[in-house]
Amino acid sequence: MPKRFTATENAIEKGLENTSPKQGAKLVREWLGEVEKLDLPGAKGLHGDLQKLATELEKDDADPTKIEKLLGKLGPATVKLADRCDDEKVSEKVRALGEALVDSGEESADDHETVGAK
């Protein structure tokens, strides 16, 4: 799982808006494989939302509103899942990922508010 953390952290640090949909789909597909292995409450819902996100990102005409909505759900769900991880190191990484997704969703919402205010 460390490679997945590193690749995802790099994408978040560079800004998710700077990650192509195809690159994002690849990252999400890698996470799907990891989430499938989890036997924790909330893992199935997280898996379903990740699957929807990957499918949307792979479309030639991906809907930014759907992507934003899914990211908005995935952030808090990922943070909750981090609380359920037994491995403290994994929990910290998963929490950081979830918080970054939450922050990304908030920034996107702020961008929409700014555009609407003009």
PDB file of N, CA and C in Angstrom:
ATOM      1  N   MET A   1       0.802  -1.204   0.000  1.00  0.00           N
ATOM      2  CA  MET A   1       0.000   0.000   0.000  1.00  0.00           C
ATOM      3  C   MET A   1       0.849   1.274   0.000  1.00  0.00           C
ATOM      4  N   PRO A   2       2.109   1.277   0.447  1.00  0.00           N
ATOM      5  CA  PRO A   2       2.874   2.520   0.473  1.00  0.00           C
ATOM      6  C   PRO A   2       2.967   3.228  -0.868  1.00  0.00           C
ATOM      7  N   LYS A   3       3.105   2.505  -1.982  1.00  0.00           N
ATOM      8  CA  LYS A   3       3.181   3.151  -3.290  1.00  0.00           C
ATOM      9  C   LYS A   3       1.895   3.915  -3.583  1.00  0.00           C
ATOM     10  N   ARG A   4       0.774   3.333  -3.206  1.00  0.00           N
ATOM     11  CA  ARG A   4      -0.500   3.988  -3.438  1.00  0.00           C
ATOM     12  C   ARG A   4      -0.590   5.277  -2.632  1.00  0.00           C
ATOM     13  N   PHE A   5      -0.123   5.214  -1.397  1.00  0.00           N
ATOM     14  CA  PHE A   5      -0.125   6.425  -0.569  1.00  0.00           C
ATOM     15  C   PHE A   5       0.741   7.496  -1.217  1.00  0.00           C
ATOM     16  N   THR A   6       1.931   7.116  -1.632  1.00  0.00           N
ATOM     17  CA  THR A   6       2.866   8.085  -2.209  1.00  0.00           C
ATOM     18  C   THR A   6       2.304   8.711  -3.474  1.00  0.00           C
ATOM     19  N   ALA A   7       1.789   7.893  -4.384  1.00  0.00           N
ATOM     20  CA  ALA A   7       1.236   8.422  -5.630  1.00  0.00           C
ATOM     21  C   ALA A   7       0.053   9.337  -5.357  1.00  0.00           C
ATOM     22  N   THR A   8      -0.797   8.948  -4.428  1.00  0.00           N
ATOM     23  CA  THR A   8      -1.971   9.756  -4.101  1.00  0.00           C
ATOM     24  C   THR A   8      -1.563  11.041  -3.397  1.00  0.00           C
ATOM     25  N   GLU A   9      -0.622  10.943  -2.470  1.00  0.00           N
ATOM     26  CA  GLU A   9      -0.134  12.138  -1.771  1.00  0.00           C
ATOM     27  C   GLU A   9       0.487  13.120  -2.756  1.00  0.00           C
ATOM     28  N   ASN A  10       1.259  12.607  -3.714  1.00  0.00           N
ATOM     29  CA  ASN A  10       1.869  13.476  -4.729  1.00  0.00           C
ATOM     30  C   ASN A  10       0.798  14.194  -5.545  1.00  0.00           C
ATOM     31  N   ALA A  11      -0.242  13.473  -5.938  1.00  0.00           N
ATOM     32  CA  ALA A  11      -1.329  14.084  -6.714  1.00  0.00           C
ATOM     33  C   ALA A  11      -2.032  15.160  -5.900  1.00  0.00           C
ATOM     34  N   ILE A  12      -2.229  14.902  -4.620  1.00  0.00           N
ATOM     35  CA  ILE A  12      -2.898  15.885  -3.760  1.00  0.00           C
ATOM     36  C   ILE A  12      -2.008  17.103  -3.553  1.00  0.00           C
ATOM     37  N   GLU A  13      -0.726  16.874  -3.320  1.00  0.00           N
ATOM     38  CA  GLU A  13       0.202  17.988  -3.107  1.00  0.00           C
ATOM     39  C   GLU A  13       0.286  18.886  -4.337  1.00  0.00           C
ATOM     40  N   LYS A  14       0.256  18.288  -5.524  1.00  0.00           N
ATOM     41  CA  LYS A  14       0.319  19.069  -6.763  1.00  0.00           C
ATOM     42  C   LYS A  14      -1.011  19.759  -7.040  1.00  0.00           C
ATOM     43  N   GLY A  15      -2.050  19.282  -6.387  1.00  0.00           N
ATOM     44  CA  GLY A  15      -3.391  19.819  -6.597  1.00  0.00           C
ATOM     45  C   GLY A  15      -4.188  18.878  -7.464  1.00  0.00           C
ATOM     46  N   LEU A  16      -5.291  18.406  -6.937  1.00  0.00           N
ATOM     47  CA  LEU A  16      -6.097  17.454  -7.698  1.00  0.00           C
ATOM     48  C   LEU A  16      -6.558  18.029  -9.029  1.00  0.00           C
ATOM     49  N   GLU A  17      -6.715  19.349  -9.082  1.00  0.00           N
ATOM     50  CA  GLU A  17      -7.128  19.969 -10.342  1.00  0.00           C
ATOM     51  C   GLU A  17      -6.045  19.854 -11.407  1.00  0.00           C
ATOM     52  N   ASN A  18      -4.802  19.576 -10.989  1.00  0.00           N
ATOM     53  CA  ASN A  18      -3.694  19.411 -11.926  1.00  0.00           C
ATOM     54  C   ASN A  18      -3.473  17.946 -12.315  1.00  0.00           C
ATOM     55  N   THR A  19      -4.311  17.068 -11.806  1.00  0.00           N
ATOM     56  CA  THR A  19      -4.231  15.653 -12.133  1.00  0.00           C
ATOM     57  C   THR A  19      -5.254  15.377 -13.221  1.00  0.00           C
ATOM     58  N   SER A  20      -4.816  14.751 -14.304  1.00  0.00           N
ATOM     59  CA  SER A  20      -5.749  14.466 -15.396  1.00  0.00           C
ATOM     60  C   SER A  20      -6.787  13.449 -14.924  1.00  0.00           C
ATOM     61  N   PRO A  21      -7.954  13.467 -15.556  1.00  0.00           N
ATOM     62  CA  PRO A  21      -8.964  12.473 -15.192  1.00  0.00           C
ATOM     63  C   PRO A  21      -8.449  11.041 -15.333  1.00  0.00           C
ATOM     64  N   LYS A  22      -7.667  10.779 -16.371  1.00  0.00           N
ATOM     65  CA  LYS A  22      -7.144   9.419 -16.583  1.00  0.00           C
ATOM     66  C   LYS A  22      -6.163   9.031 -15.471  1.00  0.00           C
ATOM     67  N   GLN A  23      -5.314   9.989 -15.037  1.00  0.00           N
ATOM     68  CA  GLN A  23      -4.403   9.717 -13.922  1.00  0.00           C
ATOM     69  C   GLN A  23      -5.202   9.481 -12.642  1.00  0.00           C
ATOM     70  N   GLY A  24      -6.228  10.295 -12.446  1.00  0.00           N
ATOM     71  CA  GLY A  24      -7.083  10.139 -11.273  1.00  0.00           C
ATOM     72  C   GLY A  24      -7.773   8.791 -11.254  1.00  0.00           C
ATOM     73  N   ALA A  25      -8.269   8.359 -12.415  1.00  0.00           N
ATOM     74  CA  ALA A  25      -8.935   7.063 -12.512  1.00  0.00           C
ATOM     75  C   ALA A  25      -7.968   5.938 -12.158  1.00  0.00           C
ATOM     76  N   LYS A  26      -6.727   6.063 -12.607  1.00  0.00           N
ATOM     77  CA  LYS A  26      -5.720   5.037 -12.304  1.00  0.00           C
ATOM     78  C   LYS A  26      -5.488   4.950 -10.794  1.00  0.00           C
ATOM     79  N   LEU A  27      -5.355   6.103 -10.135  1.00  0.00           N
ATOM     80  CA  LEU A  27      -5.176   6.113  -8.681  1.00  0.00           C
ATOM     81  C   LEU A  27      -6.379   5.494  -7.972  1.00  0.00           C
ATOM     82  N   VAL A  28      -7.565   5.864  -8.423  1.00  0.00           N
ATOM     83  CA  VAL A  28      -8.782   5.342  -7.803  1.00  0.00           C
ATOM     84  C   VAL A  28      -8.870   3.833  -7.980  1.00  0.00           C
ATOM     85  N   ARG A  29      -8.531   3.338  -9.157  1.00  0.00           N
ATOM     86  CA  ARG A  29      -8.568   1.885  -9.406  1.00  0.00           C
ATOM     87  C   ARG A  29      -7.590   1.150  -8.479  1.00  0.00           C
ATOM     88  N   GLU A  30      -6.437   1.754  -8.224  1.00  0.00           N
ATOM     89  CA  GLU A  30      -5.481   1.135  -7.298  1.00  0.00           C
ATOM     90  C   GLU A  30      -6.057   1.080  -5.887  1.00  0.00           C
ATOM     91  N   TRP A  31      -6.736   2.156  -5.485  1.00  0.00           N
ATOM     92  CA  TRP A  31      -7.357   2.180  -4.156  1.00  0.00           C
ATOM     93  C   TRP A  31      -8.499   1.172  -4.070  1.00  0.00           C
ATOM     94  N   LEU A  32      -9.216   0.970  -5.165  1.00  0.00           N
ATOM     95  CA  LEU A  32     -10.305  -0.009  -5.161  1.00  0.00           C
ATOM     96  C   LEU A  32      -9.788  -1.386  -4.757  1.00  0.00           C
ATOM     97  N   GLY A  33      -8.636  -1.736  -5.293  1.00  0.00           N
ATOM     98  CA  GLY A  33      -8.040  -3.029  -4.948  1.00  0.00           C
ATOM     99  C   GLY A  33      -7.743  -3.154  -3.470  1.00  0.00           C
ATOM    100  N   GLU A  34      -7.302  -2.063  -2.858  1.00  0.00           N
ATOM    101  CA  GLU A  34      -7.001  -2.080  -1.422  1.00  0.00           C
ATOM    102  C   GLU A  34      -8.278  -2.116  -0.583  1.00  0.00           C
ATOM    103  N   VAL A  35      -9.252  -1.331  -0.975  1.00  0.00           N
ATOM    104  CA  VAL A  35     -10.495  -1.255  -0.199  1.00  0.00           C
ATOM    105  C   VAL A  35     -11.251  -2.579  -0.251  1.00  0.00           C
ATOM    106  N   GLU A  36     -11.143  -3.291  -1.376  1.00  0.00           N
ATOM    107  CA  GLU A  36     -11.797  -4.600  -1.493  1.00  0.00           C
ATOM    108  C   GLU A  36     -11.320  -5.565  -0.412  1.00  0.00           C
ATOM    109  N   LYS A  37     -10.097  -5.405   0.039  1.00  0.00           N
ATOM    110  CA  LYS A  37      -9.508  -6.308   1.027  1.00  0.00           C
ATOM    111  C   LYS A  37      -9.948  -5.996   2.458  1.00  0.00           C
ATOM    112  N   LEU A  38     -10.556  -4.836   2.660  1.00  0.00           N
ATOM    113  CA  LEU A  38     -10.919  -4.409   4.001  1.00  0.00           C
ATOM    114  C   LEU A  38     -12.211  -5.059   4.477  1.00  0.00           C
ATOM    115  N   ASP A  39     -12.191  -5.484   5.725  1.00  0.00           N
ATOM    116  CA  ASP A  39     -13.386  -6.028   6.358  1.00  0.00           C
ATOM    117  C   ASP A  39     -13.728  -5.111   7.528  1.00  0.00           C
ATOM    118  N   LEU A  40     -14.113  -3.887   7.181  1.00  0.00           N
ATOM    119  CA  LEU A  40     -14.421  -2.880   8.187  1.00  0.00           C
ATOM    120  C   LEU A  40     -15.766  -2.243   7.852  1.00  0.00           C
ATOM    121  N   PRO A  41     -16.504  -1.810   8.875  1.00  0.00           N
ATOM    122  CA  PRO A  41     -17.747  -1.092   8.588  1.00  0.00           C
ATOM    123  C   PRO A  41     -17.454   0.143   7.729  1.00  0.00           C
ATOM    124  N   GLY A  42     -18.244   0.343   6.707  1.00  0.00           N
ATOM    125  CA  GLY A  42     -18.076   1.494   5.824  1.00  0.00           C
ATOM    126  C   GLY A  42     -17.249   1.212   4.590  1.00  0.00           C
ATOM    127  N   ALA A  43     -16.537   0.087   4.564  1.00  0.00           N
ATOM    128  CA  ALA A  43     -15.657  -0.217   3.437  1.00  0.00           C
ATOM    129  C   ALA A  43     -16.450  -0.471   2.152  1.00  0.00           C
ATOM    130  N   LYS A  44     -17.611  -1.135   2.260  1.00  0.00           N
ATOM    131  CA  LYS A  44     -18.400  -1.415   1.052  1.00  0.00           C
ATOM    132  C   LYS A  44     -18.932  -0.127   0.432  1.00  0.00           C
ATOM    133  N   GLY A  45     -19.411   0.783   1.251  1.00  0.00           N
ATOM    134  CA  GLY A  45     -19.905   2.058   0.734  1.00  0.00           C
ATOM    135  C   GLY A  45     -18.797   2.864   0.086  1.00  0.00           C
ATOM    136  N   LEU A  46     -17.638   2.871   0.738  1.00  0.00           N
ATOM    137  CA  LEU A  46     -16.472   3.571   0.192  1.00  0.00           C
ATOM    138  C   LEU A  46     -16.077   2.953  -1.149  1.00  0.00           C
ATOM    139  N   HIS A  47     -16.096   1.632  -1.221  1.00  0.00           N
ATOM    140  CA  HIS A  47     -15.759   0.932  -2.452  1.00  0.00           C
ATOM    141  C   HIS A  47     -16.724   1.321  -3.567  1.00  0.00           C
ATOM    142  N   GLY A  48     -18.005   1.360  -3.258  1.00  0.00           N
ATOM    143  CA  GLY A  48     -18.999   1.728  -4.264  1.00  0.00           C
ATOM    144  C   GLY A  48     -18.790   3.137  -4.797  1.00  0.00           C
ATOM    145  N   ASP A  49     -18.493   4.081  -3.894  1.00  0.00           N
ATOM    146  CA  ASP A  49     -18.261   5.462  -4.325  1.00  0.00           C
ATOM    147  C   ASP A  49     -16.966   5.592  -5.120  1.00  0.00           C
ATOM    148  N   LEU A  50     -15.940   4.837  -4.726  1.00  0.00           N
ATOM    149  CA  LEU A  50     -14.694   4.842  -5.500  1.00  0.00           C
ATOM    150  C   LEU A  50     -14.929   4.290  -6.904  1.00  0.00           C
ATOM    151  N   GLN A  51     -15.742   3.245  -6.993  1.00  0.00           N
ATOM    152  CA  GLN A  51     -16.061   2.650  -8.296  1.00  0.00           C
ATOM    153  C   GLN A  51     -16.771   3.673  -9.179  1.00  0.00           C
ATOM    154  N   LYS A  52     -17.734   4.392  -8.605  1.00  0.00           N
ATOM    155  CA  LYS A  52     -18.456   5.421  -9.369  1.00  0.00           C
ATOM    156  C   LYS A  52     -17.500   6.523  -9.819  1.00  0.00           C
ATOM    157  N   LEU A  53     -16.579   6.910  -8.933  1.00  0.00           N
ATOM    158  CA  LEU A  53     -15.620   7.963  -9.273  1.00  0.00           C
ATOM    159  C   LEU A  53     -14.710   7.518 -10.412  1.00  0.00           C
ATOM    160  N   ALA A  54     -14.197   6.307 -10.326  1.00  0.00           N
ATOM    161  CA  ALA A  54     -13.314   5.797 -11.386  1.00  0.00           C
ATOM    162  C   ALA A  54     -14.051   5.757 -12.719  1.00  0.00           C
ATOM    163  N   THR A  55     -15.275   5.273 -12.703  1.00  0.00           N
ATOM    164  CA  THR A  55     -16.072   5.186 -13.929  1.00  0.00           C
ATOM    165  C   THR A  55     -16.293   6.573 -14.520  1.00  0.00           C
ATOM    166  N   GLU A  56     -16.608   7.543 -13.688  1.00  0.00           N
ATOM    167  CA  GLU A  56     -16.844   8.910 -14.177  1.00  0.00           C
ATOM    168  C   GLU A  56     -15.561   9.510 -14.736  1.00  0.00           C
ATOM    169  N   LEU A  57     -14.440   9.304 -14.048  1.00  0.00           N
ATOM    170  CA  LEU A  57     -13.168   9.863 -14.508  1.00  0.00           C
ATOM    171  C   LEU A  57     -12.712   9.272 -15.836  1.00  0.00           C
ATOM    172  N   GLU A  58     -13.116   8.050 -16.101  1.00  0.00           N
ATOM    173  CA  GLU A  58     -12.702   7.384 -17.331  1.00  0.00           C
ATOM    174  C   GLU A  58     -13.520   7.818 -18.553  1.00  0.00           C
ATOM    175  N   LYS A  59     -14.610   8.507 -18.330  1.00  0.00           N
ATOM    176  CA  LYS A  59     -15.443   8.964 -19.439  1.00  0.00           C
ATOM    177  C   LYS A  59     -14.743  10.098 -20.186  1.00  0.00           C
ATOM    178  N   ASP A  60     -14.947  10.147 -21.485  1.00  0.00           N
ATOM    179  CA  ASP A  60     -14.403  11.249 -22.288  1.00  0.00           C
ATOM    180  C   ASP A  60     -15.068  12.569 -21.922  1.00  0.00           C
ATOM    181  N   ASP A  61     -16.323  12.500 -21.502  1.00  0.00           N
ATOM    182  CA  ASP A  61     -17.059  13.705 -21.122  1.00  0.00           C
ATOM    183  C   ASP A  61     -17.429  13.660 -19.636  1.00  0.00           C
ATOM    184  N   ALA A  62     -16.420  13.454 -18.792  1.00  0.00           N
ATOM    185  CA  ALA A  62     -16.635  13.351 -17.345  1.00  0.00           C
ATOM    186  C   ALA A  62     -17.360  14.596 -16.835  1.00  0.00           C
ATOM    187  N   ASP A  63     -18.307  14.376 -15.931  1.00  0.00           N
ATOM    188  CA  ASP A  63     -19.114  15.451 -15.373  1.00  0.00           C
ATOM    189  C   ASP A  63     -18.443  15.992 -14.109  1.00  0.00           C
ATOM    190  N   PRO A  64     -17.903  17.219 -14.155  1.00  0.00           N
ATOM    191  CA  PRO A  64     -17.218  17.792 -12.993  1.00  0.00           C
ATOM    192  C   PRO A  64     -18.106  17.865 -11.751  1.00  0.00           C
ATOM    193  N   THR A  65     -19.397  18.078 -11.945  1.00  0.00           N
ATOM    194  CA  THR A  65     -20.314  18.161 -10.802  1.00  0.00           C
ATOM    195  C   THR A  65     -20.431  16.809 -10.112  1.00  0.00           C
ATOM    196  N   LYS A  66     -20.540  15.735 -10.884  1.00  0.00           N
ATOM    197  CA  LYS A  66     -20.600  14.388 -10.302  1.00  0.00           C
ATOM    198  C   LYS A  66     -19.302  14.063  -9.576  1.00  0.00           C
ATOM    199  N   ILE A  67     -18.181  14.424 -10.193  1.00  0.00           N
ATOM    200  CA  ILE A  67     -16.875  14.150  -9.585  1.00  0.00           C
ATOM    201  C   ILE A  67     -16.756  14.895  -8.263  1.00  0.00           C
ATOM    202  N   GLU A  68     -17.137  16.154  -8.259  1.00  0.00           N
ATOM    203  CA  GLU A  68     -17.074  16.960  -7.040  1.00  0.00           C
ATOM    204  C   GLU A  68     -17.960  16.369  -5.947  1.00  0.00           C
ATOM    205  N   LYS A  69     -19.153  15.936  -6.321  1.00  0.00           N
ATOM    206  CA  LYS A  69     -20.080  15.344  -5.352  1.00  0.00           C
ATOM    207  C   LYS A  69     -19.497  14.059  -4.752  1.00  0.00           C
ATOM    208  N   LEU A  70     -18.921  13.222  -5.605  1.00  0.00           N
ATOM    209  CA  LEU A  70     -18.315  11.980  -5.123  1.00  0.00           C
ATOM    210  C   LEU A  70     -17.127  12.260  -4.218  1.00  0.00           C
ATOM    211  N   LEU A  71     -16.281  13.215  -4.586  1.00  0.00           N
ATOM    212  CA  LEU A  71     -15.145  13.567  -3.731  1.00  0.00           C
ATOM    213  C   LEU A  71     -15.639  14.091  -2.393  1.00  0.00           C
ATOM    214  N   GLY A  72     -16.746  14.834  -2.416  1.00  0.00           N
ATOM    215  CA  GLY A  72     -17.327  15.347  -1.179  1.00  0.00           C
ATOM    216  C   GLY A  72     -17.790  14.245  -0.243  1.00  0.00           C
ATOM    217  N   LYS A  73     -18.261  13.132  -0.804  1.00  0.00           N
ATOM    218  CA  LYS A  73     -18.663  11.987   0.007  1.00  0.00           C
ATOM    219  C   LYS A  73     -17.456  11.164   0.448  1.00  0.00           C
ATOM    220  N   LEU A  74     -16.478  11.035  -0.449  1.00  0.00           N
ATOM    221  CA  LEU A  74     -15.329  10.168  -0.171  1.00  0.00           C
ATOM    222  C   LEU A  74     -14.447  10.708   0.944  1.00  0.00           C
ATOM    223  N   GLY A  75     -14.295  12.020   1.033  1.00  0.00           N
ATOM    224  CA  GLY A  75     -13.435  12.598   2.074  1.00  0.00           C
ATOM    225  C   GLY A  75     -13.864  12.193   3.474  1.00  0.00           C
ATOM    226  N   PRO A  76     -15.081  12.537   3.884  1.00  0.00           N
ATOM    227  CA  PRO A  76     -15.534  12.166   5.233  1.00  0.00           C
ATOM    228  C   PRO A  76     -15.580  10.651   5.446  1.00  0.00           C
ATOM    229  N   ALA A  77     -15.976   9.896   4.415  1.00  0.00           N
ATOM    230  CA  ALA A  77     -16.031   8.438   4.548  1.00  0.00           C
ATOM    231  C   ALA A  77     -14.636   7.861   4.774  1.00  0.00           C
ATOM    232  N   THR A  78     -13.646   8.437   4.120  1.00  0.00           N
ATOM    233  CA  THR A  78     -12.263   7.972   4.270  1.00  0.00           C
ATOM    234  C   THR A  78     -11.742   8.290   5.671  1.00  0.00           C
ATOM    235  N   VAL A  79     -12.072   9.467   6.175  1.00  0.00           N
ATOM    236  CA  VAL A  79     -11.655   9.833   7.537  1.00  0.00           C
ATOM    237  C   VAL A  79     -12.276   8.861   8.544  1.00  0.00           C
ATOM    238  N   LYS A  80     -13.566   8.543   8.380  1.00  0.00           N
ATOM    239  CA  LYS A  80     -14.229   7.595   9.283  1.00  0.00           C
ATOM    240  C   LYS A  80     -13.570   6.224   9.217  1.00  0.00           C
ATOM    241  N   LEU A  81     -13.221   5.802   8.010  1.00  0.00           N
ATOM    242  CA  LEU A  81     -12.589   4.501   7.842  1.00  0.00           C
ATOM    243  C   LEU A  81     -11.230   4.475   8.537  1.00  0.00           C
ATOM    244  N   ALA A  82     -10.522   5.591   8.524  1.00  0.00           N
ATOM    245  CA  ALA A  82      -9.217   5.666   9.184  1.00  0.00           C
ATOM    246  C   ALA A  82      -9.349   5.363  10.677  1.00  0.00           C
ATOM    247  N   ASP A  83     -10.447   5.794  11.271  1.00  0.00           N
ATOM    248  CA  ASP A  83     -10.677   5.531  12.695  1.00  0.00           C
ATOM    249  C   ASP A  83     -10.831   4.049  12.990  1.00  0.00           C
ATOM    250  N   ARG A  84     -11.170   3.277  11.983  1.00  0.00           N
ATOM    251  CA  ARG A  84     -11.432   1.848  12.173  1.00  0.00           C
ATOM    252  C   ARG A  84     -10.226   0.966  11.839  1.00  0.00           C
ATOM    253  N   CYS A  85      -9.152   1.566  11.341  1.00  0.00           N
ATOM    254  CA  CYS A  85      -7.953   0.789  10.985  1.00  0.00           C
ATOM    255  C   CYS A  85      -7.186   0.394  12.234  1.00  0.00           C
ATOM    256  N   ASP A  86      -6.745  -0.850  12.283  1.00  0.00           N
ATOM    257  CA  ASP A  86      -5.969  -1.332  13.421  1.00  0.00           C
ATOM    258  C   ASP A  86      -4.523  -0.858  13.367  1.00  0.00           C
ATOM    259  N   ASP A  87      -3.967  -0.774  12.182  1.00  0.00           N
ATOM    260  CA  ASP A  87      -2.575  -0.366  12.005  1.00  0.00           C
ATOM    261  C   ASP A  87      -2.497   1.163  12.080  1.00  0.00           C
ATOM    262  N   GLU A  88      -1.784   1.674  13.083  1.00  0.00           N
ATOM    263  CA  GLU A  88      -1.729   3.119  13.322  1.00  0.00           C
ATOM    264  C   GLU A  88      -1.104   3.879  12.148  1.00  0.00           C
ATOM    265  N   LYS A  89      -0.064   3.323  11.545  1.00  0.00           N
ATOM    266  CA  LYS A  89       0.575   3.992  10.411  1.00  0.00           C
ATOM    267  C   LYS A  89      -0.378   4.089   9.227  1.00  0.00           C
ATOM    268  N   VAL A  90      -1.084   3.009   8.951  1.00  0.00           N
ATOM    269  CA  VAL A  90      -2.058   3.013   7.864  1.00  0.00           C
ATOM    270  C   VAL A  90      -3.178   3.993   8.192  1.00  0.00           C
ATOM    271  N   SER A  91      -3.616   3.983   9.432  1.00  0.00           N
ATOM    272  CA  SER A  91      -4.680   4.886   9.859  1.00  0.00           C
ATOM    273  C   SER A  91      -4.296   6.348   9.630  1.00  0.00           C
ATOM    274  N   GLU A  92      -3.070   6.698   9.977  1.00  0.00           N
ATOM    275  CA  GLU A  92      -2.602   8.079   9.789  1.00  0.00           C
ATOM    276  C   GLU A  92      -2.597   8.467   8.313  1.00  0.00           C
ATOM    277  N   LYS A  93      -2.137   7.563   7.457  1.00  0.00           N
ATOM    278  CA  LYS A  93      -2.083   7.839   6.017  1.00  0.00           C
ATOM    279  C   LYS A  93      -3.492   7.961   5.433  1.00  0.00           C
ATOM    280  N   VAL A  94      -4.380   7.061   5.844  1.00  0.00           N
ATOM    281  CA  VAL A  94      -5.750   7.091   5.347  1.00  0.00           C
ATOM    282  C   VAL A  94      -6.447   8.365   5.823  1.00  0.00           C
ATOM    283  N   ARG A  95      -6.206   8.757   7.062  1.00  0.00           N
ATOM    284  CA  ARG A  95      -6.793   9.989   7.587  1.00  0.00           C
ATOM    285  C   ARG A  95      -6.291  11.200   6.789  1.00  0.00           C
ATOM    286  N   ALA A  96      -5.002  11.243   6.514  1.00  0.00           N
ATOM    287  CA  ALA A  96      -4.435  12.353   5.743  1.00  0.00           C
ATOM    288  C   ALA A  96      -5.069  12.414   4.352  1.00  0.00           C
ATOM    289  N   LEU A  97      -5.278  11.266   3.740  1.00  0.00           N
ATOM    290  CA  LEU A  97      -5.926  11.208   2.438  1.00  0.00           C
ATOM    291  C   LEU A  97      -7.353  11.751   2.539  1.00  0.00           C
ATOM    292  N   GLY A  98      -8.092  11.287   3.525  1.00  0.00           N
ATOM    293  CA  GLY A  98      -9.465  11.737   3.713  1.00  0.00           C
ATOM    294  C   GLY A  98      -9.548  13.230   3.949  1.00  0.00           C
ATOM    295  N   GLU A  99      -8.653  13.751   4.783  1.00  0.00           N
ATOM    296  CA  GLU A  99      -8.654  15.185   5.077  1.00  0.00           C
ATOM    297  C   GLU A  99      -8.295  15.999   3.829  1.00  0.00           C
ATOM    298  N   ALA A 100      -7.386  15.466   3.019  1.00  0.00           N
ATOM    299  CA  ALA A 100      -7.026  16.155   1.776  1.00  0.00           C
ATOM    300  C   ALA A 100      -8.217  16.178   0.820  1.00  0.00           C
ATOM    301  N   LEU A 101      -8.970  15.095   0.780  1.00  0.00           N
ATOM    302  CA  LEU A 101     -10.161  15.058  -0.071  1.00  0.00           C
ATOM    303  C   LEU A 101     -11.219  16.042   0.433  1.00  0.00           C
ATOM    304  N   VAL A 102     -11.374  16.109   1.755  1.00  0.00           N
ATOM    305  CA  VAL A 102     -12.316  17.069   2.334  1.00  0.00           C
ATOM    306  C   VAL A 102     -11.891  18.487   1.964  1.00  0.00           C
ATOM    307  N   ASP A 103     -10.593  18.789   2.142  1.00  0.00           N
ATOM    308  CA  ASP A 103     -10.078  20.122   1.809  1.00  0.00           C
ATOM    309  C   ASP A 103     -10.281  20.426   0.330  1.00  0.00           C
ATOM    310  N   SER A 104     -10.053  19.437  -0.519  1.00  0.00           N
ATOM    311  CA  SER A 104     -10.217  19.619  -1.952  1.00  0.00           C
ATOM    312  C   SER A 104     -11.670  19.952  -2.283  1.00  0.00           C
ATOM    313  N   GLY A 105     -12.589  19.258  -1.635  1.00  0.00           N
ATOM    314  CA  GLY A 105     -14.003  19.531  -1.858  1.00  0.00           C
ATOM    315  C   GLY A 105     -14.393  20.916  -1.390  1.00  0.00           C
ATOM    316  N   GLU A 106     -13.814  21.361  -0.268  1.00  0.00           N
ATOM    317  CA  GLU A 106     -14.112  22.697   0.242  1.00  0.00           C
ATOM    318  C   GLU A 106     -13.554  23.769  -0.686  1.00  0.00           C
ATOM    319  N   GLU A 107     -12.342  23.547  -1.213  1.00  0.00           N
ATOM    320  CA  GLU A 107     -11.748  24.507  -2.151  1.00  0.00           C
ATOM    321  C   GLU A 107     -12.578  24.607  -3.413  1.00  0.00           C
ATOM    322  N   SER A 108     -13.059  23.465  -3.888  1.00  0.00           N
ATOM    323  CA  SER A 108     -13.877  23.464  -5.088  1.00  0.00           C
ATOM    324  C   SER A 108     -15.181  24.215  -4.842  1.00  0.00           C
ATOM    325  N   ALA A 109     -15.772  24.017  -3.674  1.00  0.00           N
ATOM    326  CA  ALA A 109     -17.008  24.722  -3.333  1.00  0.00           C
ATOM    327  C   ALA A 109     -16.744  26.222  -3.246  1.00  0.00           C
ATOM    328  N   ASP A 110     -15.591  26.616  -2.675  1.00  0.00           N
ATOM    329  CA  ASP A 110     -15.222  28.025  -2.598  1.00  0.00           C
ATOM    330  C   ASP A 110     -15.064  28.617  -3.988  1.00  0.00           C
ATOM    331  N   ASP A 111     -14.478  27.848  -4.913  1.00  0.00           N
ATOM    332  CA  ASP A 111     -14.305  28.317  -6.287  1.00  0.00           C
ATOM    333  C   ASP A 111     -15.657  28.597  -6.934  1.00  0.00           C
ATOM    334  N   HIS A 112     -16.629  27.695  -6.681  1.00  0.00           N
ATOM    335  CA  HIS A 112     -17.964  27.893  -7.240  1.00  0.00           C
ATOM    336  C   HIS A 112     -18.642  29.135  -6.659  1.00  0.00           C
ATOM    337  N   GLU A 113     -18.444  29.366  -5.360  1.00  0.00           N
ATOM    338  CA  GLU A 113     -19.030  30.542  -4.723  1.00  0.00           C
ATOM    339  C   GLU A 113     -18.416  31.813  -5.289  1.00  0.00           C
ATOM    340  N   THR A 114     -17.112  31.803  -5.517  1.00  0.00           N
ATOM    341  CA  THR A 114     -16.424  32.957  -6.075  1.00  0.00           C
ATOM    342  C   THR A 114     -16.942  33.259  -7.483  1.00  0.00           C
ATOM    343  N   VAL A 115     -17.093  32.226  -8.283  1.00  0.00           N
ATOM    344  CA  VAL A 115     -17.582  32.407  -9.649  1.00  0.00           C
ATOM    345  C   VAL A 115     -18.999  32.971  -9.621  1.00  0.00           C
ATOM    346  N   GLY A 116     -19.838  32.453  -8.729  1.00  0.00           N
ATOM    347  CA  GLY A 116     -21.204  32.912  -8.648  1.00  0.00           C
ATOM    348  C   GLY A 116     -21.331  34.322  -8.120  1.00  0.00           C
ATOM    349  N   ALA A 117     -20.326  34.787  -7.365  1.00  0.00           N
ATOM    350  CA  ALA A 117     -20.378  36.111  -6.758  1.00  0.00           C
ATOM    351  C   ALA A 117     -20.010  37.216  -7.742  1.00  0.00           C
ATOM    352  N   LYS A 118     -19.403  36.855  -8.868  1.00  0.00           N
ATOM    353  CA  LYS A 118     -18.954  37.875  -9.827  1.00  0.00           C
ATOM    354  C   LYS A 118     -20.098  38.524 -10.555  1.00  0.00           C
TER     355      LYS A 118
END
